[in-house]
């Protein structure tokens, strides 16, 4: 679950006014992680990049 939130947060883009610009894209990338976790034959396309899956500490 931590990785799902990390991917969602890392992919999400917010403009200077606090408006979310790509909620659907962030949801899709997080969903790809979940699907890959449940189905090892599923291939994420495009593959995850390191910045997408990076966990940030407090």
N, C-alpha and C. Protein backbone atom coordinates (compact mmCIF):
# COMPACT_ATOMS: atom_id res chain seq x y z
N UNK A 1 0.83 -1.19 0.00
CA UNK A 1 0.00 0.00 0.00
C UNK A 1 0.88 1.26 0.00
N UNK A 2 1.99 1.18 0.74
CA UNK A 2 2.90 2.33 0.77
C UNK A 2 3.40 2.68 -0.63
N UNK A 3 3.72 1.66 -1.41
CA UNK A 3 4.24 1.90 -2.76
C UNK A 3 3.17 2.51 -3.65
N UNK A 4 1.93 2.11 -3.49
CA UNK A 4 0.83 2.67 -4.27
C UNK A 4 0.70 4.17 -4.00
N UNK A 5 0.74 4.56 -2.74
CA UNK A 5 0.65 5.98 -2.40
C UNK A 5 1.87 6.74 -2.89
N UNK A 6 3.05 6.11 -2.84
CA UNK A 6 4.26 6.76 -3.33
C UNK A 6 4.15 7.04 -4.82
N UNK A 7 3.72 6.05 -5.58
CA UNK A 7 3.58 6.24 -7.03
C UNK A 7 2.56 7.32 -7.33
N UNK A 8 1.41 7.24 -6.68
CA UNK A 8 0.37 8.25 -6.91
C UNK A 8 0.90 9.66 -6.61
N UNK A 9 1.53 9.81 -5.46
CA UNK A 9 2.04 11.13 -5.07
C UNK A 9 3.17 11.63 -5.94
N UNK A 10 4.03 10.72 -6.39
CA UNK A 10 5.15 11.13 -7.24
C UNK A 10 4.71 11.50 -8.64
N UNK A 11 3.68 10.87 -9.15
CA UNK A 11 3.21 11.13 -10.51
C UNK A 11 2.27 12.34 -10.55
N UNK A 12 1.56 12.59 -9.47
CA UNK A 12 0.58 13.67 -9.41
C UNK A 12 1.24 15.02 -9.65
N UNK A 13 0.63 15.83 -10.51
CA UNK A 13 1.11 17.19 -10.78
C UNK A 13 0.07 18.19 -10.28
N UNK A 14 0.56 19.21 -9.58
CA UNK A 14 -0.31 20.26 -9.03
C UNK A 14 0.27 21.60 -9.47
N UNK A 15 -0.59 22.49 -9.96
CA UNK A 15 -0.10 23.79 -10.41
C UNK A 15 0.06 24.76 -9.24
N UNK A 16 0.49 25.95 -9.53
CA UNK A 16 0.78 26.95 -8.50
C UNK A 16 -0.46 27.35 -7.70
N UNK A 17 -1.64 27.14 -8.26
CA UNK A 17 -2.89 27.47 -7.58
C UNK A 17 -3.45 26.29 -6.79
N UNK A 18 -2.73 25.18 -6.80
CA UNK A 18 -3.19 24.00 -6.07
C UNK A 18 -4.14 23.12 -6.84
N UNK A 19 -4.29 23.39 -8.13
CA UNK A 19 -5.18 22.59 -8.96
C UNK A 19 -4.44 21.35 -9.46
N UNK A 20 -5.08 20.19 -9.32
CA UNK A 20 -4.49 18.94 -9.79
C UNK A 20 -4.62 18.87 -11.31
N UNK A 21 -3.51 18.53 -11.97
CA UNK A 21 -3.48 18.54 -13.43
C UNK A 21 -3.62 17.16 -14.06
N UNK A 22 -3.30 16.10 -13.32
CA UNK A 22 -3.27 14.78 -13.96
C UNK A 22 -3.70 13.65 -13.02
N UNK A 23 -4.79 13.84 -12.34
CA UNK A 23 -5.26 12.82 -11.39
C UNK A 23 -5.44 11.46 -12.05
N UNK A 24 -5.99 11.45 -13.24
CA UNK A 24 -6.22 10.19 -13.95
C UNK A 24 -4.92 9.45 -14.25
N UNK A 25 -3.89 10.17 -14.65
CA UNK A 25 -2.60 9.56 -14.94
C UNK A 25 -1.99 8.96 -13.68
N UNK A 26 -2.07 9.70 -12.57
CA UNK A 26 -1.52 9.21 -11.31
C UNK A 26 -2.28 7.97 -10.83
N UNK A 27 -3.59 7.98 -10.96
CA UNK A 27 -4.38 6.81 -10.59
C UNK A 27 -4.01 5.60 -11.45
N UNK A 28 -3.85 5.82 -12.74
CA UNK A 28 -3.53 4.73 -13.66
C UNK A 28 -2.19 4.09 -13.32
N UNK A 29 -1.17 4.91 -13.04
CA UNK A 29 0.15 4.36 -12.71
C UNK A 29 0.09 3.57 -11.41
N UNK A 30 -0.63 4.07 -10.42
CA UNK A 30 -0.78 3.34 -9.15
C UNK A 30 -1.52 2.02 -9.39
N UNK A 31 -2.54 2.06 -10.23
CA UNK A 31 -3.30 0.85 -10.54
C UNK A 31 -2.43 -0.18 -11.26
N UNK A 32 -1.51 0.28 -12.09
CA UNK A 32 -0.60 -0.65 -12.75
C UNK A 32 0.26 -1.39 -11.72
N UNK A 33 0.69 -0.71 -10.68
CA UNK A 33 1.48 -1.37 -9.62
C UNK A 33 0.64 -2.46 -8.95
N UNK A 34 -0.60 -2.12 -8.63
CA UNK A 34 -1.49 -3.09 -7.98
C UNK A 34 -1.71 -4.29 -8.89
N UNK A 35 -1.98 -4.04 -10.16
CA UNK A 35 -2.22 -5.15 -11.08
C UNK A 35 -0.99 -6.04 -11.20
N UNK A 36 0.19 -5.41 -11.30
CA UNK A 36 1.42 -6.21 -11.40
C UNK A 36 1.64 -7.04 -10.15
N UNK A 37 1.25 -6.51 -8.99
CA UNK A 37 1.38 -7.25 -7.73
C UNK A 37 0.46 -8.47 -7.70
N UNK A 38 -0.69 -8.35 -8.34
CA UNK A 38 -1.67 -9.44 -8.35
C UNK A 38 -1.48 -10.40 -9.51
N UNK A 39 -0.90 -9.92 -10.59
CA UNK A 39 -0.74 -10.72 -11.81
C UNK A 39 0.70 -10.60 -12.31
N UNK A 40 1.56 -11.53 -11.93
CA UNK A 40 2.97 -11.44 -12.31
C UNK A 40 3.22 -11.49 -13.83
N UNK A 41 2.23 -11.88 -14.61
CA UNK A 41 2.41 -11.90 -16.07
C UNK A 41 2.12 -10.54 -16.70
N UNK A 42 1.51 -9.62 -15.93
CA UNK A 42 1.20 -8.28 -16.44
C UNK A 42 2.49 -7.49 -16.58
N UNK A 43 2.67 -6.86 -17.73
CA UNK A 43 3.84 -6.03 -17.96
C UNK A 43 3.42 -4.57 -17.97
N UNK A 44 4.01 -3.80 -17.08
CA UNK A 44 3.73 -2.37 -16.97
C UNK A 44 4.34 -1.68 -18.18
N UNK A 45 3.52 -0.88 -18.85
CA UNK A 45 3.98 -0.16 -20.04
C UNK A 45 3.57 1.29 -19.95
N UNK A 46 4.46 2.24 -19.96
CA UNK A 46 5.91 2.05 -19.95
C UNK A 46 6.37 1.58 -18.56
N UNK A 47 7.54 0.96 -18.50
CA UNK A 47 8.04 0.49 -17.21
C UNK A 47 8.17 1.65 -16.22
N UNK A 48 8.05 1.33 -14.95
CA UNK A 48 8.21 2.37 -13.92
C UNK A 48 9.63 2.92 -13.95
N UNK A 49 9.73 4.21 -13.77
CA UNK A 49 11.03 4.85 -13.63
C UNK A 49 11.31 5.02 -12.14
N UNK A 50 12.58 5.14 -11.79
CA UNK A 50 12.97 5.22 -10.38
C UNK A 50 12.25 6.34 -9.65
N UNK A 51 12.07 7.50 -10.27
CA UNK A 51 11.44 8.63 -9.59
C UNK A 51 9.98 8.36 -9.26
N UNK A 52 9.33 7.48 -10.03
CA UNK A 52 7.93 7.16 -9.77
C UNK A 52 7.76 6.32 -8.51
N UNK A 53 8.69 5.44 -8.25
CA UNK A 53 8.56 4.50 -7.15
C UNK A 53 9.36 4.90 -5.91
N UNK A 54 10.01 6.05 -5.96
CA UNK A 54 10.84 6.49 -4.84
C UNK A 54 9.99 6.80 -3.61
N UNK A 55 10.41 6.26 -2.47
CA UNK A 55 9.74 6.54 -1.21
C UNK A 55 10.46 7.70 -0.53
N UNK A 56 9.69 8.61 0.02
CA UNK A 56 10.26 9.78 0.69
C UNK A 56 9.98 9.67 2.19
N UNK A 57 10.99 9.93 2.98
CA UNK A 57 10.83 9.87 4.43
C UNK A 57 10.20 11.13 4.99
N UNK A 58 9.87 11.09 6.27
CA UNK A 58 9.23 12.24 6.90
C UNK A 58 10.12 13.45 6.99
